[in-house]
Amino acid sequence: MKGSPELIDKLNELLAGEITAINQYMLHAEMCEDWGLVDLHKEIETRAITEMHHAERLMSRILFLEGKPIVSNLNEIHIGAEVPKMIDYDHQAEVDTVRDYNDAIILAAEEKDHATRDILVEILRDEDAHVDELEEWQDMIERMGLENFIALKSRSEK
C-alpha cells in the first residue's frame, strides 16, 4: 500500500527520535550500572528496549507504506553527568516525543490511514507512561532527596 510522502517523512522523523532515545537511554543505563545503581540501570535499560520495539514498528510500517526507513538520522543526544540531569534530559525527550506522536496521529487521521494512526496511538501510550515514570522520579528526588533516591535505586533483587 503506497503511503503519502508526507506521512512517510513524519514516520521517519519519529524513527529518528526513537533511535536517538535508544542511544541516550542505553548510555544512561550503562552509566548507572557503572555507578552501582543496579535497579535504575535495569529500569532505564527496559525503557530503551521499549524504544527499540517502537523503532521496529515504525520501520515495518514505513516499509508497508512502500517508503524507505531512514536509520542514519539522529536528533541531538543529551547525556546527564549525574542522575537528576539524566532524568531531566530523558523527561524532556519524552515530552517532545509525545508532542511529535500527537502531531503524527493527526496527520495519519487526515490522510485517512487509520491503521498507521492506531499503531501511533499504541506507541503514544508507552511514551505517556515514560513521561509519567520520569515525573515520578523527579518528584521522588524532590520529596525524599537525591541520596535516598540513589539508595533506593541501588538495590538489586536477587
C-alpha atoms as a PDB file:
ATOM      1  CA  MET A   1       0.000   0.000   0.000  1.00  0.00           C
ATOM      2  CA  LYS A   2       1.512   3.296  -1.077  1.00  0.00           C
ATOM      3  CA  GLY A   3       1.582   5.859   1.715  1.00  0.00           C
ATOM      4  CA  SER A   4       1.770   9.596   1.278  1.00  0.00           C
ATOM      5  CA  PRO A   5       5.273  11.068   1.183  1.00  0.00           C
ATOM      6  CA  GLU A   6       4.322  13.479   3.978  1.00  0.00           C
ATOM      7  CA  LEU A   7       3.248  10.656   6.299  1.00  0.00           C
ATOM      8  CA  ILE A   8       6.324   8.575   5.462  1.00  0.00           C
ATOM      9  CA  ASP A   9       8.527  11.599   6.224  1.00  0.00           C
ATOM     10  CA  LYS A  10       6.728  12.061   9.561  1.00  0.00           C
ATOM     11  CA  LEU A  11       7.229   8.366  10.395  1.00  0.00           C
ATOM     12  CA  ASN A  12      10.932   8.726   9.598  1.00  0.00           C
ATOM     13  CA  GLU A  13      11.105  11.742  11.934  1.00  0.00           C
ATOM     14  CA  LEU A  14       9.566   9.604  14.668  1.00  0.00           C
ATOM     15  CA  LEU A  15      12.043   6.838  13.841  1.00  0.00           C
ATOM     16  CA  ALA A  16      14.946   9.278  14.281  1.00  0.00           C
ATOM     17  CA  GLY A  17      13.545  10.204  17.686  1.00  0.00           C
ATOM     18  CA  GLU A  18      13.264   6.564  18.728  1.00  0.00           C
ATOM     19  CA  ILE A  19      16.806   5.742  17.596  1.00  0.00           C
ATOM     20  CA  THR A  20      18.083   8.809  19.436  1.00  0.00           C
ATOM     21  CA  ALA A  21      16.235   7.735  22.586  1.00  0.00           C
ATOM     22  CA  ILE A  22      17.706   4.234  22.384  1.00  0.00           C
ATOM     23  CA  ASN A  23      21.227   5.660  22.322  1.00  0.00           C
ATOM     24  CA  GLN A  24      20.592   8.175  25.096  1.00  0.00           C
ATOM     25  CA  TYR A  25      18.880   5.645  27.365  1.00  0.00           C
ATOM     26  CA  MET A  26      21.445   2.901  26.807  1.00  0.00           C
ATOM     27  CA  LEU A  27      24.297   5.237  27.728  1.00  0.00           C
ATOM     28  CA  HIS A  28      22.398   6.475  30.787  1.00  0.00           C
ATOM     29  CA  ALA A  29      21.667   2.861  31.773  1.00  0.00           C
ATOM     30  CA  GLU A  30      25.318   1.860  31.442  1.00  0.00           C
ATOM     31  CA  MET A  31      26.439   4.893  33.433  1.00  0.00           C
ATOM     32  CA  CYS A  32      24.030   3.907  36.208  1.00  0.00           C
ATOM     33  CA  GLU A  33      25.350   0.365  36.197  1.00  0.00           C
ATOM     34  CA  ASP A  34      28.904   1.717  36.426  1.00  0.00           C
ATOM     35  CA  TRP A  35      27.857   3.776  39.456  1.00  0.00           C
ATOM     36  CA  GLY A  36      26.296   0.720  41.122  1.00  0.00           C
ATOM     37  CA  LEU A  37      22.711   1.861  40.596  1.00  0.00           C
ATOM     38  CA  VAL A  38      21.566  -1.610  39.609  1.00  0.00           C
ATOM     39  CA  ASP A  39      17.816  -1.048  39.771  1.00  0.00           C
ATOM     40  CA  LEU A  40      17.975   2.285  37.960  1.00  0.00           C
ATOM     41  CA  HIS A  41      20.141   0.664  35.279  1.00  0.00           C
ATOM     42  CA  LYS A  42      17.518  -2.049  34.731  1.00  0.00           C
ATOM     43  CA  GLU A  43      14.636   0.428  34.591  1.00  0.00           C
ATOM     44  CA  ILE A  44      16.350   2.704  32.063  1.00  0.00           C
ATOM     45  CA  GLU A  45      17.512  -0.275  30.012  1.00  0.00           C
ATOM     46  CA  THR A  46      13.926  -1.567  29.920  1.00  0.00           C
ATOM     47  CA  ARG A  47      12.785   1.817  28.586  1.00  0.00           C
ATOM     48  CA  ALA A  48      15.481   1.635  25.888  1.00  0.00           C
ATOM     49  CA  ILE A  49      14.249  -1.804  24.856  1.00  0.00           C
ATOM     50  CA  THR A  50      10.701  -0.465  24.598  1.00  0.00           C
ATOM     51  CA  GLU A  51      12.026   2.275  22.306  1.00  0.00           C
ATOM     52  CA  MET A  52      13.699  -0.429  20.184  1.00  0.00           C
ATOM     53  CA  HIS A  53      10.309  -2.067  19.723  1.00  0.00           C
ATOM     54  CA  HIS A  54       8.850   1.301  18.731  1.00  0.00           C
ATOM     55  CA  ALA A  55      11.600   1.769  16.146  1.00  0.00           C
ATOM     56  CA  GLU A  56      10.928  -1.718  14.796  1.00  0.00           C
ATOM     57  CA  ARG A  57       7.188  -0.985  14.447  1.00  0.00           C
ATOM     58  CA  LEU A  58       7.892   2.301  12.676  1.00  0.00           C
ATOM     59  CA  MET A  59      10.341   0.672  10.262  1.00  0.00           C
ATOM     60  CA  SER A  60       7.834  -2.060   9.495  1.00  0.00           C
ATOM     61  CA  ARG A  61       5.066   0.461   8.848  1.00  0.00           C
ATOM     62  CA  ILE A  62       7.275   2.624   6.617  1.00  0.00           C
ATOM     63  CA  LEU A  63       8.146  -0.455   4.559  1.00  0.00           C
ATOM     64  CA  PHE A  64       4.477  -1.436   4.366  1.00  0.00           C
ATOM     65  CA  LEU A  65       3.698   2.049   3.040  1.00  0.00           C
ATOM     66  CA  GLU A  66       6.401   1.460   0.378  1.00  0.00           C
ATOM     67  CA  GLY A  67       8.726   4.006   1.952  1.00  0.00           C
ATOM     68  CA  LYS A  68      12.356   3.762   2.920  1.00  0.00           C
ATOM     69  CA  PRO A  69      13.145   3.715   6.650  1.00  0.00           C
ATOM     70  CA  ILE A  70      15.977   6.122   7.380  1.00  0.00           C
ATOM     71  CA  VAL A  71      18.022   4.734  10.262  1.00  0.00           C
ATOM     72  CA  SER A  72      21.020   7.039   9.916  1.00  0.00           C
ATOM     73  CA  ASN A  73      19.336  10.191  11.262  1.00  0.00           C
ATOM     74  CA  LEU A  74      19.702  11.094  14.921  1.00  0.00           C
ATOM     75  CA  ASN A  75      18.418  14.021  16.888  1.00  0.00           C
ATOM     76  CA  GLU A  76      20.701  15.692  19.402  1.00  0.00           C
ATOM     77  CA  ILE A  77      21.543  13.366  22.284  1.00  0.00           C
ATOM     78  CA  HIS A  78      21.652  14.854  25.797  1.00  0.00           C
ATOM     79  CA  ILE A  79      23.718  12.951  28.346  1.00  0.00           C
ATOM     80  CA  GLY A  80      23.454  13.843  32.018  1.00  0.00           C
ATOM     81  CA  ALA A  81      26.585  13.765  34.144  1.00  0.00           C
ATOM     82  CA  GLU A  82      24.553  12.949  37.260  1.00  0.00           C
ATOM     83  CA  VAL A  83      21.249  11.200  37.909  1.00  0.00           C
ATOM     84  CA  PRO A  84      18.975  14.273  38.212  1.00  0.00           C
ATOM     85  CA  LYS A  85      20.282  15.686  34.933  1.00  0.00           C
ATOM     86  CA  MET A  86      19.809  12.296  33.222  1.00  0.00           C
ATOM     87  CA  ILE A  87      16.219  12.208  34.379  1.00  0.00           C
ATOM     88  CA  ASP A  88      15.631  15.815  33.278  1.00  0.00           C
ATOM     89  CA  TYR A  89      17.078  15.153  29.809  1.00  0.00           C
ATOM     90  CA  ASP A  90      15.109  11.920  29.435  1.00  0.00           C
ATOM     91  CA  HIS A  91      11.928  13.672  30.580  1.00  0.00           C
ATOM     92  CA  GLN A  92      12.346  16.468  28.046  1.00  0.00           C
ATOM     93  CA  ALA A  93      12.981  13.918  25.287  1.00  0.00           C
ATOM     94  CA  GLU A  94       9.780  12.072  26.201  1.00  0.00           C
ATOM     95  CA  VAL A  95       7.704  15.258  26.376  1.00  0.00           C
ATOM     96  CA  ASP A  96       8.959  16.182  22.891  1.00  0.00           C
ATOM     97  CA  THR A  97       8.200  12.653  21.688  1.00  0.00           C
ATOM     98  CA  VAL A  98       4.629  12.790  22.991  1.00  0.00           C
ATOM     99  CA  ARG A  99       4.119  16.046  21.090  1.00  0.00           C
ATOM    100  CA  ASP A 100       5.585  14.520  17.915  1.00  0.00           C
ATOM    101  CA  TYR A 101       3.382  11.423  18.155  1.00  0.00           C
ATOM    102  CA  ASN A 102       0.283  13.541  18.686  1.00  0.00           C
ATOM    103  CA  ASP A 103       1.154  15.527  15.544  1.00  0.00           C
ATOM    104  CA  ALA A 104       1.719  12.315  13.578  1.00  0.00           C
ATOM    105  CA  ILE A 105      -1.599  10.878  14.778  1.00  0.00           C
ATOM    106  CA  ILE A 106      -3.399  13.968  13.478  1.00  0.00           C
ATOM    107  CA  LEU A 107      -1.618  13.653  10.125  1.00  0.00           C
ATOM    108  CA  ALA A 108      -2.437   9.935   9.826  1.00  0.00           C
ATOM    109  CA  ALA A 109      -6.101  10.680  10.560  1.00  0.00           C
ATOM    110  CA  GLU A 110      -6.131  13.468   7.962  1.00  0.00           C
ATOM    111  CA  GLU A 111      -4.633  11.012   5.467  1.00  0.00           C
ATOM    112  CA  LYS A 112      -7.354   8.521   6.454  1.00  0.00           C
ATOM    113  CA  ASP A 113      -4.664   5.976   7.309  1.00  0.00           C
ATOM    114  CA  HIS A 114      -6.299   4.616  10.418  1.00  0.00           C
ATOM    115  CA  ALA A 115      -4.035   1.567  10.670  1.00  0.00           C
ATOM    116  CA  THR A 116      -0.994   3.836  10.961  1.00  0.00           C
ATOM    117  CA  ARG A 117      -2.925   6.045  13.361  1.00  0.00           C
ATOM    118  CA  ASP A 118      -3.711   3.031  15.555  1.00  0.00           C
ATOM    119  CA  ILE A 119      -0.043   1.996  15.651  1.00  0.00           C
ATOM    120  CA  LEU A 120       0.959   5.525  16.625  1.00  0.00           C
ATOM    121  CA  VAL A 121      -1.690   5.655  19.364  1.00  0.00           C
ATOM    122  CA  GLU A 122      -0.346   2.393  20.830  1.00  0.00           C
ATOM    123  CA  ILE A 123       3.201   3.756  20.862  1.00  0.00           C
ATOM    124  CA  LEU A 124       1.964   7.051  22.330  1.00  0.00           C
ATOM    125  CA  ARG A 125       0.547   5.151  25.311  1.00  0.00           C
ATOM    126  CA  ASP A 126       4.042   3.818  26.075  1.00  0.00           C
ATOM    127  CA  GLU A 127       5.547   7.286  25.676  1.00  0.00           C
ATOM    128  CA  ASP A 128       2.951   8.742  28.052  1.00  0.00           C
ATOM    129  CA  ALA A 129       3.904   6.070  30.580  1.00  0.00           C
ATOM    130  CA  HIS A 130       7.562   7.035  30.195  1.00  0.00           C
ATOM    131  CA  VAL A 131       6.731  10.673  30.938  1.00  0.00           C
ATOM    132  CA  ASP A 132       4.754   9.570  33.986  1.00  0.00           C
ATOM    133  CA  GLU A 133       7.621   7.411  35.288  1.00  0.00           C
ATOM    134  CA  LEU A 134      10.191  10.176  34.820  1.00  0.00           C
ATOM    135  CA  GLU A 135       7.951  12.732  36.534  1.00  0.00           C
ATOM    136  CA  GLU A 136       7.505  10.263  39.392  1.00  0.00           C
ATOM    137  CA  TRP A 137      11.302  10.011  39.711  1.00  0.00           C
ATOM    138  CA  GLN A 138      11.638  13.804  39.675  1.00  0.00           C
ATOM    139  CA  ASP A 139       9.006  14.019  42.415  1.00  0.00           C
ATOM    140  CA  MET A 140      10.729  11.301  44.448  1.00  0.00           C
ATOM    141  CA  ILE A 141      14.044  13.153  44.306  1.00  0.00           C
ATOM    142  CA  GLU A 142      12.325  16.359  45.384  1.00  0.00           C
ATOM    143  CA  ARG A 143      10.404  14.695  48.243  1.00  0.00           C
ATOM    144  CA  MET A 144      12.949  12.207  49.588  1.00  0.00           C
ATOM    145  CA  GLY A 145      16.205  13.790  48.465  1.00  0.00           C
ATOM    146  CA  LEU A 146      18.719  12.580  45.946  1.00  0.00           C
ATOM    147  CA  GLU A 147      20.642  10.449  48.456  1.00  0.00           C
ATOM    148  CA  ASN A 148      17.558   8.430  49.397  1.00  0.00           C
ATOM    149  CA  PHE A 149      16.533   8.066  45.754  1.00  0.00           C
ATOM    150  CA  ILE A 150      20.022   6.802  44.900  1.00  0.00           C
ATOM    151  CA  ALA A 151      19.885   4.351  47.795  1.00  0.00           C
ATOM    152  CA  LEU A 152      16.511   3.099  46.618  1.00  0.00           C
ATOM    153  CA  LYS A 153      17.727   2.633  43.044  1.00  0.00           C
ATOM    154  CA  SER A 154      20.997   0.957  44.108  1.00  0.00           C
ATOM    155  CA  ARG A 155      19.278  -2.143  45.425  1.00  0.00           C
ATOM    156  CA  SER A 156      19.097  -5.299  43.454  1.00  0.00           C
ATOM    157  CA  GLU A 157      16.583  -8.051  43.999  1.00  0.00           C
ATOM    158  CA  LYS A 158      18.190 -11.437  43.840  1.00  0.00           C
END
